[in-house]
Amino acid sequence: GVLLVLVSVLVGARIISAADQSVSVWAAAEDLSAGTTLRADDVRAVPVRLFGSAASYLQASAELSGQILDRPVRAGELVPASALRRPSDRVSVALPVASSAVPLDLRRGQLVDVYATGEDGAGEGIETRLVLAAAPVQAIDGGSQGALSASSGTRQVVVSVPSDEAGELLAAIAGRELAVAILEDPSEPVGRAVPTRPPGVPAASSATAPATSTAAPAS
């Protein structure tokens, strides 16, 4: 009888000990869009009990800085190993945007459309057109993030684009005033320059912006 009690106690202790075991994994510190190049402050370590699914997530001992998200990750969501990829053919481009044309709630990790205003190709008037669609914001003003003041001046909004389209984007914005619109609920990143072509000629790499966006207030 005593032996049976001791065995029961030992088995119960092992079960409780196993149930109490947890592992620290990475979770998103804030909402992050697909295409975001991760930094240390984008994630935080959280203790969880994953049981059989532990291999699907990255332990907090894994280095995430510099890796790129393949899909959006919401604040507090555990970062799946399958959602990450190594840097490849994308580059960062700094866009000079007037403070009045930058939404006050713009922050790193969001997707934006970029519009350029300037003379049309024929020199007959002023036009505004989309030059970059659904681009991941990598930094604002050289690395700051969060709410921006409405003071006068120029903000540097750093976005990532395919390396083979960076030159086309820079040519499209040269000498033009830029404005940024935040995509409210993007499903996936595009981050492609919208080429300048005659009307009616399809653009193989152009992107269509989602219907809902938030633009900066007019100055």
N, C-alpha and C. Protein backbone atom coordinates (compact mmCIF):
# COMPACT_ATOMS: atom_id res chain seq x y z
N GLY A 1 0.81 -1.20 0.00
CA GLY A 1 0.00 0.00 0.00
C GLY A 1 0.85 1.26 0.00
N VAL A 2 1.89 1.25 0.87
CA VAL A 2 2.77 2.42 0.94
C VAL A 2 3.50 2.62 -0.38
N LEU A 3 3.97 1.50 -0.98
CA LEU A 3 4.69 1.58 -2.26
C LEU A 3 3.80 2.16 -3.34
N LEU A 4 2.55 1.75 -3.37
CA LEU A 4 1.61 2.26 -4.37
C LEU A 4 1.40 3.76 -4.21
N VAL A 5 1.32 4.20 -2.96
CA VAL A 5 1.15 5.64 -2.70
C VAL A 5 2.37 6.41 -3.19
N LEU A 6 3.58 5.88 -2.90
CA LEU A 6 4.81 6.55 -3.32
C LEU A 6 4.89 6.65 -4.84
N VAL A 7 4.54 5.55 -5.53
CA VAL A 7 4.56 5.55 -6.99
C VAL A 7 3.59 6.58 -7.53
N SER A 8 2.41 6.65 -6.94
CA SER A 8 1.40 7.61 -7.39
C SER A 8 1.89 9.05 -7.21
N VAL A 9 2.55 9.31 -6.09
CA VAL A 9 3.08 10.65 -5.82
C VAL A 9 4.15 11.02 -6.83
N LEU A 10 5.06 10.08 -7.13
CA LEU A 10 6.13 10.35 -8.08
C LEU A 10 5.58 10.61 -9.48
N VAL A 11 4.62 9.78 -9.91
CA VAL A 11 4.02 9.96 -11.23
C VAL A 11 3.30 11.30 -11.31
N GLY A 12 2.56 11.64 -10.26
CA GLY A 12 1.86 12.92 -10.24
C GLY A 12 2.82 14.09 -10.29
N ALA A 13 3.93 13.98 -9.58
CA ALA A 13 4.92 15.06 -9.57
C ALA A 13 5.53 15.26 -10.96
N ARG A 14 5.79 14.16 -11.65
CA ARG A 14 6.35 14.25 -13.01
C ARG A 14 5.36 14.91 -13.96
N ILE A 15 4.09 14.56 -13.84
CA ILE A 15 3.07 15.14 -14.72
C ILE A 15 2.95 16.64 -14.48
N ILE A 16 2.94 17.03 -13.21
CA ILE A 16 2.84 18.46 -12.88
C ILE A 16 4.06 19.22 -13.36
N SER A 17 5.25 18.59 -13.17
CA SER A 17 6.49 19.24 -13.61
C SER A 17 6.49 19.45 -15.11
N ALA A 18 6.03 18.44 -15.87
CA ALA A 18 5.99 18.55 -17.33
C ALA A 18 5.00 19.62 -17.76
N ALA A 19 3.87 19.71 -17.04
CA ALA A 19 2.86 20.70 -17.40
C ALA A 19 3.34 22.11 -17.14
N ASP A 20 4.22 22.29 -16.14
CA ASP A 20 4.71 23.62 -15.78
C ASP A 20 5.84 24.09 -16.68
N GLN A 21 6.41 23.20 -17.48
CA GLN A 21 7.53 23.58 -18.32
C GLN A 21 7.06 24.51 -19.44
N SER A 22 7.78 25.58 -19.65
CA SER A 22 7.45 26.51 -20.73
C SER A 22 8.73 26.89 -21.46
N VAL A 23 8.57 27.47 -22.63
CA VAL A 23 9.71 27.89 -23.43
C VAL A 23 9.49 29.33 -23.86
N SER A 24 10.57 30.10 -23.95
CA SER A 24 10.47 31.50 -24.39
C SER A 24 10.60 31.56 -25.91
N VAL A 25 9.62 32.18 -26.55
CA VAL A 25 9.64 32.34 -28.00
C VAL A 25 9.40 33.80 -28.34
N TRP A 26 9.64 34.16 -29.60
CA TRP A 26 9.46 35.54 -30.04
C TRP A 26 8.01 35.81 -30.39
N ALA A 27 7.54 36.99 -29.95
CA ALA A 27 6.21 37.49 -30.33
C ALA A 27 6.38 38.92 -30.84
N ALA A 28 5.50 39.34 -31.74
CA ALA A 28 5.58 40.69 -32.29
C ALA A 28 5.26 41.72 -31.21
N ALA A 29 6.09 42.76 -31.11
CA ALA A 29 5.85 43.82 -30.13
C ALA A 29 4.77 44.79 -30.59
N GLU A 30 4.52 44.83 -31.91
CA GLU A 30 3.49 45.68 -32.49
C GLU A 30 3.08 45.09 -33.83
N ASP A 31 2.04 45.64 -34.43
CA ASP A 31 1.62 45.17 -35.75
C ASP A 31 2.75 45.39 -36.75
N LEU A 32 3.09 44.35 -37.50
CA LEU A 32 4.16 44.42 -38.50
C LEU A 32 3.64 43.91 -39.83
N SER A 33 3.89 44.67 -40.88
CA SER A 33 3.42 44.27 -42.20
C SER A 33 4.40 43.30 -42.85
N ALA A 34 3.91 42.55 -43.81
CA ALA A 34 4.79 41.70 -44.61
C ALA A 34 5.79 42.59 -45.33
N GLY A 35 7.03 42.13 -45.42
CA GLY A 35 8.08 42.92 -46.05
C GLY A 35 8.93 43.70 -45.07
N THR A 36 8.53 43.72 -43.79
CA THR A 36 9.30 44.44 -42.77
C THR A 36 10.61 43.71 -42.48
N THR A 37 11.71 44.46 -42.50
CA THR A 37 13.00 43.92 -42.08
C THR A 37 13.08 44.06 -40.57
N LEU A 38 13.17 42.95 -39.87
CA LEU A 38 13.05 42.96 -38.42
C LEU A 38 14.25 43.57 -37.72
N ARG A 39 13.95 44.28 -36.62
CA ARG A 39 14.96 44.80 -35.70
C ARG A 39 14.69 44.21 -34.33
N ALA A 40 15.65 44.39 -33.43
CA ALA A 40 15.53 43.78 -32.11
C ALA A 40 14.29 44.26 -31.36
N ASP A 41 13.91 45.53 -31.52
CA ASP A 41 12.77 46.04 -30.77
C ASP A 41 11.42 45.73 -31.42
N ASP A 42 11.42 44.99 -32.53
CA ASP A 42 10.16 44.59 -33.16
C ASP A 42 9.52 43.39 -32.48
N VAL A 43 10.32 42.67 -31.69
CA VAL A 43 9.83 41.44 -31.06
C VAL A 43 10.16 41.46 -29.57
N ARG A 44 9.45 40.64 -28.83
CA ARG A 44 9.72 40.47 -27.40
C ARG A 44 9.58 38.99 -27.04
N ALA A 45 10.33 38.56 -26.06
CA ALA A 45 10.30 37.16 -25.63
C ALA A 45 9.11 36.93 -24.69
N VAL A 46 8.36 35.88 -24.95
CA VAL A 46 7.23 35.53 -24.09
C VAL A 46 7.31 34.05 -23.73
N PRO A 47 7.04 33.69 -22.47
CA PRO A 47 7.03 32.28 -22.07
C PRO A 47 5.70 31.64 -22.43
N VAL A 48 5.74 30.52 -23.10
CA VAL A 48 4.51 29.82 -23.50
C VAL A 48 4.71 28.31 -23.37
N ARG A 49 3.59 27.60 -23.32
CA ARG A 49 3.61 26.14 -23.35
C ARG A 49 3.08 25.71 -24.71
N LEU A 50 3.97 25.24 -25.56
CA LEU A 50 3.60 24.91 -26.94
C LEU A 50 3.38 23.43 -27.16
N PHE A 51 3.84 22.61 -26.21
CA PHE A 51 3.68 21.17 -26.33
C PHE A 51 4.21 20.68 -27.68
N GLY A 52 3.37 20.09 -28.53
CA GLY A 52 3.84 19.50 -29.77
C GLY A 52 4.13 20.47 -30.89
N SER A 53 3.77 21.77 -30.72
CA SER A 53 3.96 22.74 -31.81
C SER A 53 5.18 23.63 -31.62
N ALA A 54 6.05 23.29 -30.68
CA ALA A 54 7.19 24.14 -30.36
C ALA A 54 8.09 24.38 -31.57
N ALA A 55 8.23 23.39 -32.43
CA ALA A 55 9.12 23.51 -33.59
C ALA A 55 8.62 24.52 -34.62
N SER A 56 7.35 24.90 -34.53
CA SER A 56 6.78 25.82 -35.51
C SER A 56 7.12 27.28 -35.22
N TYR A 57 7.66 27.55 -34.03
CA TYR A 57 7.95 28.92 -33.63
C TYR A 57 9.42 29.05 -33.26
N LEU A 58 9.91 30.28 -33.25
CA LEU A 58 11.33 30.51 -33.00
C LEU A 58 11.56 30.84 -31.53
N GLN A 59 12.47 30.09 -30.91
CA GLN A 59 12.80 30.36 -29.52
C GLN A 59 13.51 31.70 -29.41
N ALA A 60 13.40 32.30 -28.23
CA ALA A 60 13.95 33.64 -28.02
C ALA A 60 15.47 33.69 -28.15
N SER A 61 16.10 32.54 -28.18
CA SER A 61 17.56 32.49 -28.37
C SER A 61 17.94 32.67 -29.84
N ALA A 62 16.96 32.58 -30.75
CA ALA A 62 17.24 32.71 -32.18
C ALA A 62 17.38 34.18 -32.57
N GLU A 63 18.31 34.49 -33.44
CA GLU A 63 18.54 35.86 -33.91
C GLU A 63 17.60 36.18 -35.07
N LEU A 64 16.76 37.22 -34.90
CA LEU A 64 15.80 37.58 -35.93
C LEU A 64 16.18 38.85 -36.69
N SER A 65 17.05 39.67 -36.13
CA SER A 65 17.39 40.95 -36.76
C SER A 65 17.91 40.74 -38.18
N GLY A 66 17.36 41.54 -39.11
CA GLY A 66 17.77 41.46 -40.50
C GLY A 66 16.94 40.52 -41.34
N GLN A 67 16.16 39.65 -40.71
CA GLN A 67 15.28 38.78 -41.48
C GLN A 67 14.01 39.53 -41.87
N ILE A 68 13.32 39.03 -42.87
CA ILE A 68 12.18 39.73 -43.45
C ILE A 68 10.91 38.92 -43.26
N LEU A 69 9.84 39.60 -42.89
CA LEU A 69 8.55 38.93 -42.74
C LEU A 69 7.93 38.67 -44.10
N ASP A 70 7.42 37.46 -44.29
CA ASP A 70 6.74 37.10 -45.53
C ASP A 70 5.24 37.37 -45.46
N ARG A 71 4.74 37.58 -44.26
CA ARG A 71 3.31 37.86 -44.10
C ARG A 71 3.11 38.79 -42.90
N PRO A 72 1.95 39.45 -42.79
CA PRO A 72 1.72 40.33 -41.63
C PRO A 72 1.69 39.53 -40.33
N VAL A 73 2.18 40.16 -39.26
CA VAL A 73 2.12 39.57 -37.93
C VAL A 73 1.56 40.63 -36.99
N ARG A 74 0.50 40.29 -36.28
CA ARG A 74 -0.16 41.24 -35.39
C ARG A 74 0.56 41.33 -34.04
N ALA A 75 0.37 42.45 -33.35
CA ALA A 75 0.97 42.64 -32.03
C ALA A 75 0.56 41.50 -31.09
N GLY A 76 1.55 40.91 -30.42
CA GLY A 76 1.29 39.82 -29.50
C GLY A 76 1.28 38.45 -30.13
N GLU A 77 1.23 38.37 -31.46
CA GLU A 77 1.22 37.08 -32.14
C GLU A 77 2.61 36.45 -32.12
N LEU A 78 2.66 35.15 -31.87
CA LEU A 78 3.94 34.45 -31.93
C LEU A 78 4.44 34.45 -33.36
N VAL A 79 5.75 34.63 -33.53
CA VAL A 79 6.33 34.72 -34.87
C VAL A 79 6.62 33.31 -35.39
N PRO A 80 5.89 32.85 -36.41
CA PRO A 80 6.14 31.50 -36.94
C PRO A 80 7.46 31.45 -37.72
N ALA A 81 8.14 30.34 -37.62
CA ALA A 81 9.38 30.19 -38.39
C ALA A 81 9.11 30.29 -39.88
N SER A 82 7.94 29.86 -40.31
CA SER A 82 7.60 29.87 -41.73
C SER A 82 7.33 31.26 -42.28
N ALA A 83 7.21 32.27 -41.39
CA ALA A 83 6.90 33.63 -41.83
C ALA A 83 8.14 34.45 -42.11
N LEU A 84 9.32 33.86 -41.99
CA LEU A 84 10.57 34.61 -42.14
C LEU A 84 11.36 34.16 -43.36
N ARG A 85 12.07 35.12 -43.93
CA ARG A 85 13.00 34.80 -45.01
C ARG A 85 14.20 35.71 -44.90
N ARG A 86 15.28 35.30 -45.49
CA ARG A 86 16.51 36.09 -45.47
C ARG A 86 16.41 37.24 -46.47
N PRO A 87 17.16 38.34 -46.22
CA PRO A 87 17.18 39.44 -47.20
C PRO A 87 17.60 38.94 -48.57
N SER A 88 16.95 39.47 -49.61
CA SER A 88 17.28 39.00 -50.95
C SER A 88 17.52 40.17 -51.89
N ASP A 89 16.55 40.46 -52.74
CA ASP A 89 16.77 41.44 -53.80
C ASP A 89 16.06 42.75 -53.55
N ARG A 90 15.80 43.09 -52.29
CA ARG A 90 15.14 44.36 -51.99
C ARG A 90 16.15 45.35 -51.41
N VAL A 91 15.92 46.62 -51.69
CA VAL A 91 16.79 47.68 -51.18
C VAL A 91 15.93 48.73 -50.50
N SER A 92 16.56 49.53 -49.64
CA SER A 92 15.86 50.61 -48.95
C SER A 92 16.08 51.92 -49.69
N VAL A 93 15.00 52.68 -49.87
CA VAL A 93 15.06 53.97 -50.55
C VAL A 93 14.48 55.03 -49.62
N ALA A 94 15.21 56.13 -49.41
CA ALA A 94 14.74 57.23 -48.57
C ALA A 94 13.96 58.22 -49.43
N LEU A 95 12.73 58.48 -49.05
CA LEU A 95 11.88 59.41 -49.79
C LEU A 95 11.74 60.71 -49.01
N PRO A 96 12.09 61.85 -49.61
CA PRO A 96 11.90 63.14 -48.93
C PRO A 96 10.45 63.59 -49.07
N VAL A 97 9.73 63.65 -47.96
CA VAL A 97 8.31 63.99 -47.99
C VAL A 97 8.06 65.16 -47.05
N ALA A 98 7.33 66.17 -47.51
CA ALA A 98 6.98 67.30 -46.66
C ALA A 98 6.21 66.81 -45.44
N SER A 99 6.48 67.40 -44.28
CA SER A 99 5.82 66.96 -43.05
C SER A 99 4.31 66.99 -43.16
N SER A 100 3.78 67.98 -43.88
CA SER A 100 2.33 68.10 -44.02
C SER A 100 1.73 67.00 -44.88
N ALA A 101 2.58 66.26 -45.61
CA ALA A 101 2.11 65.17 -46.48
C ALA A 101 2.40 63.80 -45.89
N VAL A 102 2.78 63.77 -44.60
CA VAL A 102 3.03 62.51 -43.90
C VAL A 102 1.96 62.34 -42.82
N PRO A 103 1.19 61.24 -42.83
CA PRO A 103 0.18 61.03 -41.80
C PRO A 103 0.79 61.06 -40.40
N LEU A 104 0.07 61.65 -39.45
CA LEU A 104 0.60 61.79 -38.10
C LEU A 104 0.83 60.44 -37.43
N ASP A 105 0.06 59.42 -37.81
CA ASP A 105 0.20 58.11 -37.17
C ASP A 105 1.08 57.15 -37.96
N LEU A 106 1.83 57.65 -38.91
CA LEU A 106 2.72 56.78 -39.69
C LEU A 106 3.80 56.21 -38.78
N ARG A 107 4.05 54.93 -38.91
CA ARG A 107 5.09 54.29 -38.12
C ARG A 107 5.73 53.17 -38.93
N ARG A 108 6.86 52.74 -38.44
CA ARG A 108 7.57 51.64 -39.07
C ARG A 108 6.71 50.38 -39.02
N GLY A 109 6.79 49.57 -40.10
CA GLY A 109 6.05 48.33 -40.15
C GLY A 109 4.74 48.42 -40.88
N GLN A 110 4.32 49.65 -41.27
CA GLN A 110 3.09 49.80 -42.04
C GLN A 110 3.40 49.75 -43.54
N LEU A 111 2.35 49.58 -44.34
CA LEU A 111 2.47 49.65 -45.79
C LEU A 111 1.90 50.98 -46.25
N VAL A 112 2.55 51.58 -47.24
CA VAL A 112 2.10 52.88 -47.73
C VAL A 112 2.07 52.92 -49.26
N ASP A 113 1.19 53.77 -49.78
CA ASP A 113 1.23 54.17 -51.18
C ASP A 113 1.89 55.54 -51.23
N VAL A 114 2.66 55.79 -52.28
CA VAL A 114 3.34 57.07 -52.43
C VAL A 114 2.87 57.73 -53.72
N TYR A 115 2.47 59.00 -53.60
CA TYR A 115 1.99 59.77 -54.74
C TYR A 115 2.96 60.92 -55.01
N ALA A 116 3.14 61.23 -56.29
CA ALA A 116 4.02 62.32 -56.70
C ALA A 116 3.23 63.35 -57.50
N THR A 117 3.45 64.63 -57.19
CA THR A 117 2.77 65.72 -57.88
C THR A 117 3.80 66.59 -58.59
N GLY A 118 3.57 66.87 -59.87
CA GLY A 118 4.48 67.70 -60.65
C GLY A 118 3.94 67.89 -62.04
N GLU A 119 4.72 68.50 -62.91
CA GLU A 119 4.28 68.72 -64.28
C GLU A 119 4.10 67.40 -65.01
N ASP A 120 3.08 67.36 -65.86
CA ASP A 120 2.87 66.15 -66.65
C ASP A 120 3.93 66.05 -67.74
N GLY A 121 3.99 64.92 -68.40
CA GLY A 121 5.03 64.70 -69.40
C GLY A 121 5.01 65.68 -70.54
N ALA A 122 3.83 66.22 -70.86
CA ALA A 122 3.71 67.15 -71.99
C ALA A 122 3.96 68.59 -71.57
N GLY A 123 4.15 68.83 -70.28
CA GLY A 123 4.38 70.19 -69.81
C GLY A 123 3.15 71.07 -69.90
N GLU A 124 1.98 70.47 -69.91
CA GLU A 124 0.74 71.23 -70.08
C GLU A 124 0.00 71.46 -68.77
N GLY A 125 0.47 70.95 -67.68
CA GLY A 125 -0.23 71.14 -66.42
C GLY A 125 0.38 70.31 -65.30
N ILE A 126 -0.30 70.32 -64.16
CA ILE A 126 0.17 69.59 -62.98
C ILE A 126 -0.64 68.31 -62.83
N GLU A 127 0.04 67.22 -62.52
CA GLU A 127 -0.63 65.94 -62.32
C GLU A 127 -0.15 65.30 -61.03
N THR A 128 -1.01 64.49 -60.45
CA THR A 128 -0.66 63.68 -59.28
C THR A 128 -0.89 62.22 -59.65
N ARG A 129 0.12 61.39 -59.43
CA ARG A 129 -0.03 59.99 -59.79
C ARG A 129 0.65 59.09 -58.76
N LEU A 130 0.18 57.86 -58.73
CA LEU A 130 0.76 56.85 -57.84
C LEU A 130 2.10 56.39 -58.42
N VAL A 131 3.16 56.48 -57.61
CA VAL A 131 4.48 56.05 -58.08
C VAL A 131 5.00 54.82 -57.34
N LEU A 132 4.40 54.50 -56.21
CA LEU A 132 4.83 53.33 -55.44
C LEU A 132 3.64 52.79 -54.68
N ALA A 133 3.40 51.49 -54.81
CA ALA A 133 2.22 50.88 -54.19
C ALA A 133 2.61 49.88 -53.11
N ALA A 134 1.92 49.97 -51.97
CA ALA A 134 2.05 48.99 -50.88
C ALA A 134 3.50 48.72 -50.50
N ALA A 135 4.24 49.76 -50.19
CA ALA A 135 5.65 49.61 -49.82
C ALA A 135 5.80 49.53 -48.31
N PRO A 136 6.59 48.58 -47.79
CA PRO A 136 6.81 48.49 -46.34
C PRO A 136 7.68 49.65 -45.85
N VAL A 137 7.24 50.32 -44.79
CA VAL A 137 8.02 51.40 -44.18
C VAL A 137 9.06 50.78 -43.26
N GLN A 138 10.33 51.08 -43.52
CA GLN A 138 11.42 50.53 -42.72
C GLN A 138 11.92 51.51 -41.66
N ALA A 139 11.75 52.79 -41.90
CA ALA A 139 12.21 53.80 -40.94
C ALA A 139 11.59 55.14 -41.29
N ILE A 140 11.56 56.03 -40.31
CA ILE A 140 11.07 57.40 -40.51
C ILE A 140 12.08 58.33 -39.87
N ASP A 141 12.51 59.33 -40.61
CA ASP A 141 13.50 60.27 -40.10
C ASP A 141 14.75 59.56 -39.59
N GLY A 142 15.24 58.63 -40.37
CA GLY A 142 16.48 57.95 -40.02
C GLY A 142 16.36 56.96 -38.89
N GLY A 143 15.14 56.48 -38.59
CA GLY A 143 14.99 55.43 -37.59
C GLY A 143 13.94 55.68 -36.55
N SER A 144 13.42 56.91 -36.42
CA SER A 144 12.37 57.16 -35.43
C SER A 144 11.07 56.59 -35.91
N GLN A 145 10.15 56.39 -34.98
CA GLN A 145 8.85 55.87 -35.33
C GLN A 145 7.83 56.42 -34.36
N GLY A 146 6.57 56.18 -34.62
CA GLY A 146 5.51 56.70 -33.77
C GLY A 146 4.94 57.96 -34.36
N ALA A 147 4.16 58.71 -33.57
CA ALA A 147 3.49 59.90 -34.06
C ALA A 147 4.50 60.96 -34.46
N LEU A 148 4.22 61.64 -35.54
CA LEU A 148 5.10 62.68 -36.04
C LEU A 148 4.45 64.04 -35.82
N SER A 149 5.24 65.04 -35.58
CA SER A 149 4.69 66.38 -35.41
C SER A 149 4.30 66.94 -36.75
N ALA A 150 3.46 67.97 -36.70
CA ALA A 150 2.98 68.59 -37.93
C ALA A 150 3.80 69.83 -38.27
N SER A 151 5.00 69.94 -37.72
CA SER A 151 5.82 71.11 -37.97
C SER A 151 6.29 71.12 -39.41
N SER A 152 6.75 72.30 -39.83
CA SER A 152 7.23 72.43 -41.20
C SER A 152 8.55 71.69 -41.35
N GLY A 153 8.89 71.38 -42.60
CA GLY A 153 10.13 70.67 -42.86
C GLY A 153 9.89 69.44 -43.70
N THR A 154 10.93 68.65 -43.84
CA THR A 154 10.87 67.45 -44.67
C THR A 154 11.18 66.22 -43.83
N ARG A 155 10.40 65.18 -44.02
CA ARG A 155 10.63 63.91 -43.35
C ARG A 155 11.26 62.93 -44.33
N GLN A 156 12.14 62.09 -43.81
CA GLN A 156 12.70 61.01 -44.62
C GLN A 156 11.92 59.73 -44.30
N VAL A 157 11.16 59.26 -45.26
CA VAL A 157 10.40 58.01 -45.10
C VAL A 157 11.14 56.93 -45.89
N VAL A 158 11.69 55.97 -45.19
CA VAL A 158 12.49 54.91 -45.82
C VAL A 158 11.59 53.71 -46.10
N VAL A 159 11.54 53.30 -47.36
CA VAL A 159 10.73 52.15 -47.77
C VAL A 159 11.61 51.14 -48.48
N SER A 160 11.15 49.89 -48.56
CA SER A 160 11.90 48.88 -49.30
C SER A 160 11.20 48.56 -50.61
N VAL A 161 12.01 48.40 -51.66
CA VAL A 161 11.50 48.11 -53.00
C VAL A 161 12.41 47.08 -53.65
N PRO A 162 11.95 46.39 -54.69
CA PRO A 162 12.84 45.49 -55.44
C PRO A 162 14.03 46.28 -55.99
N SER A 163 15.21 45.72 -55.89
CA SER A 163 16.42 46.45 -56.29
C SER A 163 16.40 46.87 -57.75
N ASP A 164 15.76 46.07 -58.61
CA ASP A 164 15.76 46.41 -60.03
C ASP A 164 14.75 47.51 -60.37
N GLU A 165 13.99 47.98 -59.38
CA GLU A 165 13.03 49.04 -59.63
C GLU A 165 13.36 50.34 -58.90
N ALA A 166 14.46 50.33 -58.13
CA ALA A 166 14.83 51.52 -57.37
C ALA A 166 15.13 52.70 -58.29
N GLY A 167 15.85 52.45 -59.38
CA GLY A 167 16.18 53.52 -60.31
C GLY A 167 14.95 54.12 -60.95
N GLU A 168 14.00 53.28 -61.31
CA GLU A 168 12.76 53.75 -61.92
C GLU A 168 11.96 54.60 -60.94
N LEU A 169 11.96 54.19 -59.67
CA LEU A 169 11.25 54.97 -58.66
C LEU A 169 11.90 56.34 -58.48
N LEU A 170 13.22 56.38 -58.37
CA LEU A 170 13.91 57.65 -58.18
C LEU A 170 13.68 58.59 -59.36
N ALA A 171 13.63 58.04 -60.56
CA ALA A 171 13.35 58.87 -61.74
C ALA A 171 11.93 59.41 -61.70
N ALA A 172 11.00 58.60 -61.19
CA ALA A 172 9.59 59.00 -61.16
C ALA A 172 9.33 60.11 -60.15
N ILE A 173 10.14 60.20 -59.08
CA ILE A 173 9.89 61.20 -58.04
C ILE A 173 10.77 62.43 -58.19
N ALA A 174 11.73 62.40 -59.10
CA ALA A 174 12.67 63.52 -59.24
C ALA A 174 11.93 64.82 -59.54
N GLY A 175 12.18 65.85 -58.72
CA GLY A 175 11.58 67.16 -58.94
C GLY A 175 10.11 67.24 -58.61
N ARG A 176 9.56 66.24 -57.96
CA ARG A 176 8.13 66.23 -57.64
C ARG A 176 7.91 66.25 -56.13
N GLU A 177 6.76 66.78 -55.74
CA GLU A 177 6.37 66.76 -54.34
C GLU A 177 5.69 65.42 -54.03
N LEU A 178 6.05 64.83 -52.91
CA LEU A 178 5.54 63.50 -52.56
C LEU A 178 4.53 63.57 -51.42
N ALA A 179 3.62 62.61 -51.42
CA ALA A 179 2.66 62.44 -50.34
C ALA A 179 2.52 60.95 -50.06
N VAL A 180 2.27 60.63 -48.80
CA VAL A 180 2.20 59.24 -48.36
C VAL A 180 0.81 58.93 -47.83
N ALA A 181 0.27 57.77 -48.21
CA ALA A 181 -1.03 57.30 -47.71
C ALA A 181 -0.84 55.93 -47.08
N ILE A 182 -1.35 55.74 -45.87
CA ILE A 182 -1.23 54.47 -45.16
C ILE A 182 -2.32 53.51 -45.62
N LEU A 183 -1.94 52.28 -45.91
CA LEU A 183 -2.92 51.24 -46.23
C LEU A 183 -3.51 50.71 -44.93
N GLU A 184 -4.83 50.74 -44.82
CA GLU A 184 -5.48 50.39 -43.56
C GLU A 184 -5.41 48.91 -43.23
N ASP A 185 -5.66 48.03 -44.20
CA ASP A 185 -5.71 46.60 -43.92
C ASP A 185 -5.13 45.80 -45.07
N PRO A 186 -3.83 45.95 -45.34
CA PRO A 186 -3.23 45.24 -46.47
C PRO A 186 -3.13 43.75 -46.21
N SER A 187 -3.31 42.97 -47.25
CA SER A 187 -3.21 41.51 -47.11
C SER A 187 -1.80 41.02 -47.40
N GLU A 188 -1.09 41.70 -48.28
CA GLU A 188 0.28 41.29 -48.59
C GLU A 188 1.01 42.46 -49.21
N PRO A 189 2.36 42.49 -49.13
CA PRO A 189 3.10 43.61 -49.66
C PRO A 189 3.27 43.53 -51.16
N VAL A 190 3.37 44.68 -51.78
CA VAL A 190 3.72 44.74 -53.19
C VAL A 190 5.05 45.48 -53.30
N GLY A 191 5.06 46.72 -52.84
CA GLY A 191 6.30 47.48 -52.79
C GLY A 191 6.96 47.64 -54.13
N ARG A 192 6.16 47.87 -55.16
CA ARG A 192 6.71 48.00 -56.50
C ARG A 192 6.44 49.38 -57.06
N ALA A 193 7.44 49.90 -57.76
CA ALA A 193 7.26 51.18 -58.43
C ALA A 193 6.21 51.03 -59.52
N VAL A 194 5.42 52.07 -59.72
CA VAL A 194 4.41 52.06 -60.77
C VAL A 194 5.01 52.79 -61.97
N PRO A 195 5.38 52.08 -63.03
CA PRO A 195 6.10 52.69 -64.15
C PRO A 195 5.26 53.74 -64.88
N THR A 196 5.96 54.69 -65.49
CA THR A 196 5.31 55.69 -66.33
C THR A 196 5.21 55.14 -67.73
N ARG A 197 3.98 54.99 -68.23
CA ARG A 197 3.75 54.46 -69.58
C ARG A 197 2.60 55.22 -70.21
N PRO A 198 2.55 55.26 -71.54
CA PRO A 198 1.44 55.91 -72.21
C PRO A 198 0.12 55.25 -71.83
N PRO A 199 -1.00 56.02 -71.82
CA PRO A 199 -2.29 55.44 -71.48
C PRO A 199 -2.61 54.23 -72.35
N GLY A 200 -3.15 53.21 -71.71
CA GLY A 200 -3.56 52.03 -72.45
C GLY A 200 -2.50 50.96 -72.57
N VAL A 201 -1.26 51.30 -72.19
CA VAL A 201 -0.18 50.31 -72.26
C VAL A 201 -0.05 49.66 -70.89
N PRO A 202 -0.26 48.34 -70.77
CA PRO A 202 -0.21 47.69 -69.46
C PRO A 202 1.20 47.68 -68.89
N ALA A 203 1.28 47.78 -67.57
CA ALA A 203 2.57 47.73 -66.88
C ALA A 203 2.69 46.38 -66.21
N ALA A 204 3.66 45.59 -66.62
CA ALA A 204 3.77 44.22 -66.11
C ALA A 204 4.03 44.18 -64.62
N SER A 205 4.76 45.17 -64.08
CA SER A 205 5.10 45.12 -62.67
C SER A 205 4.37 46.17 -61.86
N SER A 206 3.37 46.82 -62.44
CA SER A 206 2.65 47.84 -61.69
C SER A 206 1.78 47.19 -60.64
N ALA A 207 1.39 47.98 -59.62
CA ALA A 207 0.59 47.45 -58.52
C ALA A 207 -0.65 48.28 -58.33
N THR A 208 -1.73 47.63 -57.97
CA THR A 208 -2.97 48.33 -57.70
C THR A 208 -3.13 48.50 -56.21
N ALA A 209 -3.35 49.71 -55.75
CA ALA A 209 -3.46 49.98 -54.33
C ALA A 209 -4.82 49.53 -53.82
N PRO A 210 -4.88 49.01 -52.57
CA PRO A 210 -6.16 48.66 -51.98
C PRO A 210 -7.06 49.88 -51.88
N ALA A 211 -8.37 49.66 -51.78
CA ALA A 211 -9.33 50.74 -51.85
C ALA A 211 -9.26 51.67 -50.66
N THR A 212 -8.90 51.16 -49.47
CA THR A 212 -8.95 51.97 -48.27
C THR A 212 -7.55 52.39 -47.86
N SER A 213 -7.36 53.70 -47.70
CA SER A 213 -6.07 54.21 -47.26
C SER A 213 -6.30 55.48 -46.48
N THR A 214 -5.29 55.87 -45.72
CA THR A 214 -5.35 57.10 -44.94
C THR A 214 -4.27 58.03 -45.42
N ALA A 215 -4.66 59.17 -45.94
CA ALA A 215 -3.70 60.14 -46.44
C ALA A 215 -3.45 61.19 -45.38
N ALA A 216 -2.36 61.93 -45.54
CA ALA A 216 -2.06 63.00 -44.61
C ALA A 216 -3.06 64.12 -44.79
N PRO A 217 -3.38 64.87 -43.71
CA PRO A 217 -4.31 65.99 -43.85
C PRO A 217 -3.73 67.07 -44.72
N ALA A 218 -4.58 67.71 -45.48
CA ALA A 218 -4.12 68.77 -46.37
C ALA A 218 -3.61 69.94 -45.57
N SER A 219 -2.53 70.53 -46.03
CA SER A 219 -1.97 71.67 -45.31
C SER A 219 -2.68 72.94 -45.72
